[in-house]
Amino acid sequence: MLSPSSRIRIKEILSRLAHGNQVTFQERLYINQLADKDQTINSWLRRSRRIQQCEQNSDSIDMFLNDLDLCSTEPNSFYNPNQEDLGDWFTGAPSWVARS
């Protein structure tokens, strides 16, 4: 469980990340370590990355799809069954996926 001050700090770092402002290496490391352990923080991080990549989108459909948090934050992370093994494709998944 996160303390209120930790939650505020995490959201402030992710807000800076989403808007392309400076984020230190230590802050990125802190966020990534927490995201590996907590599904909620992982979701916040993905959303921040997606906002950063698609900030120019003002289309309501794109905004709606981004809010659903369904797609990957990596622009080239599409599964191709002819060239990739499905098990290898999921190796980059966060550790909490293995528990489900």
N, C-alpha and C. Protein backbone atom coordinates (compact mmCIF):
# COMPACT_ATOMS: atom_id res chain seq x y z
N MET A 1 0.84 -1.18 0.00
CA MET A 1 0.00 0.00 0.00
C MET A 1 0.89 1.24 0.00
N LEU A 2 0.54 2.17 -0.83
CA LEU A 2 1.32 3.40 -0.94
C LEU A 2 0.83 4.45 0.05
N SER A 3 1.78 5.17 0.58
CA SER A 3 1.40 6.29 1.44
C SER A 3 0.92 7.44 0.55
N PRO A 4 0.13 8.34 1.10
CA PRO A 4 -0.32 9.48 0.29
C PRO A 4 0.82 10.31 -0.27
N SER A 5 1.89 10.47 0.48
CA SER A 5 3.02 11.26 -0.03
C SER A 5 3.72 10.54 -1.18
N SER A 6 3.83 9.20 -1.11
CA SER A 6 4.43 8.42 -2.20
C SER A 6 3.57 8.51 -3.45
N ARG A 7 2.27 8.41 -3.27
CA ARG A 7 1.35 8.49 -4.40
C ARG A 7 1.45 9.85 -5.09
N ILE A 8 1.54 10.91 -4.30
CA ILE A 8 1.67 12.26 -4.87
C ILE A 8 2.98 12.39 -5.62
N ARG A 9 4.07 11.87 -5.04
CA ARG A 9 5.38 11.93 -5.70
C ARG A 9 5.36 11.16 -7.02
N ILE A 10 4.79 9.97 -7.02
CA ILE A 10 4.72 9.15 -8.23
C ILE A 10 3.92 9.85 -9.31
N LYS A 11 2.76 10.38 -8.95
CA LYS A 11 1.92 11.07 -9.93
C LYS A 11 2.61 12.32 -10.48
N GLU A 12 3.38 13.02 -9.64
CA GLU A 12 4.08 14.22 -10.10
C GLU A 12 5.17 13.83 -11.10
N ILE A 13 5.90 12.76 -10.84
CA ILE A 13 6.93 12.29 -11.76
C ILE A 13 6.29 11.84 -13.07
N LEU A 14 5.21 11.10 -12.99
CA LEU A 14 4.54 10.62 -14.21
C LEU A 14 3.93 11.76 -15.01
N SER A 15 3.47 12.79 -14.34
CA SER A 15 2.94 13.96 -15.03
C SER A 15 4.04 14.66 -15.82
N ARG A 16 5.21 14.80 -15.20
CA ARG A 16 6.34 15.41 -15.92
C ARG A 16 6.75 14.54 -17.10
N LEU A 17 6.76 13.23 -16.91
CA LEU A 17 7.11 12.31 -17.98
C LEU A 17 6.12 12.42 -19.14
N ALA A 18 4.83 12.47 -18.83
CA ALA A 18 3.80 12.54 -19.86
C ALA A 18 3.88 13.81 -20.69
N HIS A 19 4.30 14.90 -20.07
CA HIS A 19 4.34 16.18 -20.78
C HIS A 19 5.72 16.52 -21.32
N GLY A 20 6.65 15.54 -21.28
CA GLY A 20 7.97 15.72 -21.86
C GLY A 20 8.92 16.59 -21.06
N ASN A 21 8.63 16.80 -19.80
CA ASN A 21 9.52 17.57 -18.94
C ASN A 21 10.63 16.67 -18.40
N GLN A 22 11.64 17.28 -17.80
CA GLN A 22 12.80 16.54 -17.33
C GLN A 22 12.45 15.61 -16.17
N VAL A 23 12.90 14.35 -16.30
CA VAL A 23 12.76 13.34 -15.26
C VAL A 23 14.14 12.72 -15.08
N THR A 24 14.64 12.70 -13.87
CA THR A 24 15.99 12.19 -13.64
C THR A 24 16.03 10.66 -13.77
N PHE A 25 17.24 10.16 -13.92
CA PHE A 25 17.43 8.71 -14.01
C PHE A 25 16.96 8.03 -12.74
N GLN A 26 17.24 8.62 -11.57
CA GLN A 26 16.83 8.02 -10.30
C GLN A 26 15.30 7.96 -10.20
N GLU A 27 14.62 8.99 -10.70
CA GLU A 27 13.15 8.98 -10.68
C GLU A 27 12.60 7.92 -11.62
N ARG A 28 13.21 7.78 -12.78
CA ARG A 28 12.78 6.74 -13.73
C ARG A 28 13.00 5.34 -13.14
N LEU A 29 14.13 5.15 -12.52
CA LEU A 29 14.44 3.87 -11.89
C LEU A 29 13.44 3.57 -10.77
N TYR A 30 13.14 4.57 -9.96
CA TYR A 30 12.17 4.44 -8.87
C TYR A 30 10.79 4.02 -9.41
N ILE A 31 10.34 4.72 -10.45
CA ILE A 31 9.03 4.41 -11.04
C ILE A 31 9.01 3.02 -11.65
N ASN A 32 10.07 2.65 -12.38
CA ASN A 32 10.10 1.33 -13.00
C ASN A 32 10.13 0.21 -11.98
N GLN A 33 10.84 0.41 -10.88
CA GLN A 33 10.86 -0.61 -9.82
C GLN A 33 9.48 -0.77 -9.20
N LEU A 34 8.81 0.33 -8.96
CA LEU A 34 7.46 0.25 -8.41
C LEU A 34 6.47 -0.35 -9.40
N ALA A 35 6.64 -0.02 -10.69
CA ALA A 35 5.73 -0.54 -11.72
C ALA A 35 5.87 -2.05 -11.87
N ASP A 36 7.06 -2.59 -11.63
CA ASP A 36 7.25 -4.04 -11.68
C ASP A 36 6.51 -4.75 -10.56
N LYS A 37 6.27 -4.05 -9.47
CA LYS A 37 5.64 -4.67 -8.30
C LYS A 37 4.16 -4.37 -8.15
N ASP A 38 3.69 -3.29 -8.78
CA ASP A 38 2.32 -2.83 -8.57
C ASP A 38 1.63 -2.59 -9.92
N GLN A 39 0.53 -3.29 -10.13
CA GLN A 39 -0.21 -3.19 -11.38
C GLN A 39 -0.76 -1.79 -11.61
N THR A 40 -1.19 -1.12 -10.58
CA THR A 40 -1.75 0.23 -10.72
C THR A 40 -0.69 1.21 -11.20
N ILE A 41 0.48 1.15 -10.60
CA ILE A 41 1.56 2.04 -11.01
C ILE A 41 2.01 1.71 -12.43
N ASN A 42 2.02 0.43 -12.77
CA ASN A 42 2.35 0.03 -14.13
C ASN A 42 1.36 0.64 -15.13
N SER A 43 0.10 0.64 -14.79
CA SER A 43 -0.93 1.24 -15.63
C SER A 43 -0.72 2.75 -15.76
N TRP A 44 -0.40 3.41 -14.66
CA TRP A 44 -0.12 4.86 -14.69
C TRP A 44 1.07 5.16 -15.58
N LEU A 45 2.11 4.32 -15.50
CA LEU A 45 3.32 4.52 -16.31
C LEU A 45 3.01 4.35 -17.79
N ARG A 46 2.26 3.30 -18.14
CA ARG A 46 1.88 3.09 -19.55
C ARG A 46 1.07 4.26 -20.07
N ARG A 47 0.14 4.74 -19.26
CA ARG A 47 -0.68 5.88 -19.68
C ARG A 47 0.17 7.13 -19.88
N SER A 48 1.14 7.36 -19.00
CA SER A 48 2.03 8.51 -19.14
C SER A 48 2.85 8.42 -20.42
N ARG A 49 3.36 7.24 -20.71
CA ARG A 49 4.13 7.05 -21.95
C ARG A 49 3.25 7.27 -23.18
N ARG A 50 2.03 6.76 -23.10
CA ARG A 50 1.12 6.92 -24.24
C ARG A 50 0.76 8.40 -24.45
N ILE A 51 0.56 9.13 -23.38
CA ILE A 51 0.27 10.56 -23.48
C ILE A 51 1.45 11.28 -24.11
N GLN A 52 2.66 10.90 -23.69
CA GLN A 52 3.86 11.53 -24.23
C GLN A 52 3.98 11.27 -25.73
N GLN A 53 3.67 10.05 -26.17
CA GLN A 53 3.79 9.71 -27.58
C GLN A 53 2.68 10.30 -28.43
N CYS A 54 1.50 10.45 -27.87
CA CYS A 54 0.33 10.87 -28.65
C CYS A 54 -0.23 12.19 -28.18
N GLU A 55 0.61 13.07 -27.66
CA GLU A 55 0.12 14.32 -27.09
C GLU A 55 -0.60 15.19 -28.12
N GLN A 56 -0.24 15.07 -29.39
CA GLN A 56 -0.86 15.90 -30.41
C GLN A 56 -2.26 15.42 -30.80
N ASN A 57 -2.66 14.22 -30.39
CA ASN A 57 -3.98 13.72 -30.74
C ASN A 57 -5.06 14.47 -29.98
N SER A 58 -5.95 15.10 -30.71
CA SER A 58 -7.06 15.78 -30.06
C SER A 58 -8.39 15.15 -30.47
N ASP A 59 -8.33 14.09 -31.26
CA ASP A 59 -9.52 13.38 -31.70
C ASP A 59 -10.15 12.68 -30.50
N SER A 60 -11.45 12.82 -30.35
CA SER A 60 -12.13 12.24 -29.19
C SER A 60 -12.05 10.72 -29.19
N ILE A 61 -12.04 10.07 -30.35
CA ILE A 61 -11.92 8.61 -30.42
C ILE A 61 -10.55 8.17 -29.91
N ASP A 62 -9.49 8.85 -30.35
CA ASP A 62 -8.14 8.52 -29.88
C ASP A 62 -8.02 8.73 -28.38
N MET A 63 -8.59 9.80 -27.88
CA MET A 63 -8.54 10.07 -26.45
C MET A 63 -9.28 8.97 -25.68
N PHE A 64 -10.42 8.55 -26.20
CA PHE A 64 -11.20 7.48 -25.57
C PHE A 64 -10.41 6.18 -25.54
N LEU A 65 -9.80 5.81 -26.66
CA LEU A 65 -9.01 4.59 -26.72
C LEU A 65 -7.81 4.65 -25.79
N ASN A 66 -7.18 5.80 -25.69
CA ASN A 66 -6.06 5.95 -24.77
C ASN A 66 -6.52 5.82 -23.33
N ASP A 67 -7.69 6.32 -23.01
CA ASP A 67 -8.22 6.22 -21.65
C ASP A 67 -8.57 4.78 -21.27
N LEU A 68 -8.91 3.95 -22.28
CA LEU A 68 -9.21 2.55 -22.01
C LEU A 68 -7.96 1.76 -21.63
N ASP A 69 -6.79 2.26 -22.04
CA ASP A 69 -5.51 1.65 -21.68
C ASP A 69 -5.41 0.21 -22.20
N LEU A 70 -5.78 0.02 -23.46
CA LEU A 70 -5.78 -1.32 -24.04
C LEU A 70 -4.52 -1.63 -24.84
N CYS A 71 -3.92 -0.64 -25.43
CA CYS A 71 -2.80 -0.91 -26.33
C CYS A 71 -1.47 -0.73 -25.62
N SER A 72 -0.43 -1.15 -26.30
CA SER A 72 0.92 -1.07 -25.76
C SER A 72 1.47 0.34 -25.89
N THR A 73 2.43 0.66 -25.03
CA THR A 73 3.09 1.95 -25.13
C THR A 73 4.23 1.91 -26.14
N GLU A 74 4.63 0.72 -26.54
CA GLU A 74 5.69 0.58 -27.52
C GLU A 74 5.08 0.63 -28.92
N PRO A 75 5.55 1.54 -29.78
CA PRO A 75 4.92 1.71 -31.09
C PRO A 75 5.06 0.51 -32.01
N ASN A 76 6.07 -0.34 -31.82
CA ASN A 76 6.30 -1.47 -32.73
C ASN A 76 6.15 -2.81 -32.02
N SER A 77 5.29 -2.91 -31.05
CA SER A 77 5.16 -4.16 -30.30
C SER A 77 3.91 -4.93 -30.71
N PHE A 78 3.85 -5.31 -31.96
CA PHE A 78 2.72 -6.09 -32.46
C PHE A 78 3.16 -7.53 -32.66
N TYR A 79 2.35 -8.46 -32.26
CA TYR A 79 2.66 -9.89 -32.38
C TYR A 79 2.45 -10.34 -33.81
N ASN A 80 3.45 -10.98 -34.38
CA ASN A 80 3.37 -11.55 -35.72
C ASN A 80 3.53 -13.06 -35.58
N PRO A 81 2.44 -13.84 -35.72
CA PRO A 81 2.53 -15.28 -35.47
C PRO A 81 3.44 -16.02 -36.45
N ASN A 82 3.71 -15.45 -37.62
CA ASN A 82 4.58 -16.11 -38.59
C ASN A 82 6.05 -15.97 -38.23
N GLN A 83 6.40 -14.98 -37.44
CA GLN A 83 7.81 -14.72 -37.14
C GLN A 83 8.16 -14.85 -35.66
N GLU A 84 7.17 -14.91 -34.78
CA GLU A 84 7.46 -14.88 -33.35
C GLU A 84 6.76 -16.00 -32.61
N ASP A 85 7.37 -16.42 -31.54
CA ASP A 85 6.76 -17.38 -30.63
C ASP A 85 5.97 -16.61 -29.58
N LEU A 86 4.75 -17.02 -29.31
CA LEU A 86 3.90 -16.29 -28.38
C LEU A 86 4.52 -16.21 -26.99
N GLY A 87 5.18 -17.26 -26.54
CA GLY A 87 5.83 -17.24 -25.23
C GLY A 87 6.94 -16.20 -25.16
N ASP A 88 7.71 -16.07 -26.23
CA ASP A 88 8.78 -15.06 -26.27
C ASP A 88 8.21 -13.66 -26.28
N TRP A 89 7.06 -13.49 -26.93
CA TRP A 89 6.46 -12.17 -27.03
C TRP A 89 6.04 -11.65 -25.66
N PHE A 90 5.66 -12.54 -24.74
CA PHE A 90 5.22 -12.14 -23.41
C PHE A 90 6.37 -12.07 -22.39
N THR A 91 7.61 -12.28 -22.80
CA THR A 91 8.71 -12.25 -21.84
C THR A 91 8.94 -10.87 -21.26
N GLY A 92 8.52 -9.81 -21.93
CA GLY A 92 8.69 -8.46 -21.41
C GLY A 92 7.56 -8.01 -20.51
N ALA A 93 6.61 -8.91 -20.23
CA ALA A 93 5.46 -8.55 -19.40
C ALA A 93 5.90 -8.31 -17.96
N PRO A 94 5.17 -7.46 -17.23
CA PRO A 94 5.52 -7.22 -15.82
C PRO A 94 5.36 -8.50 -15.00
N SER A 95 6.05 -8.56 -13.88
CA SER A 95 6.09 -9.77 -13.06
C SER A 95 4.71 -10.16 -12.52
N TRP A 96 3.81 -9.20 -12.34
CA TRP A 96 2.50 -9.54 -11.77
C TRP A 96 1.66 -10.38 -12.74
N VAL A 97 2.01 -10.39 -14.05
CA VAL A 97 1.27 -11.19 -15.02
C VAL A 97 1.47 -12.67 -14.73
N ALA A 98 2.64 -13.05 -14.28
CA ALA A 98 2.93 -14.45 -14.00
C ALA A 98 2.06 -15.01 -12.87
N ARG A 99 1.59 -14.14 -12.01
CA ARG A 99 0.76 -14.61 -10.89
C ARG A 99 -0.66 -14.93 -11.32
N SER A 100 -1.12 -14.40 -12.45
CA SER A 100 -2.51 -14.61 -12.84
C SER A 100 -2.71 -15.87 -13.62
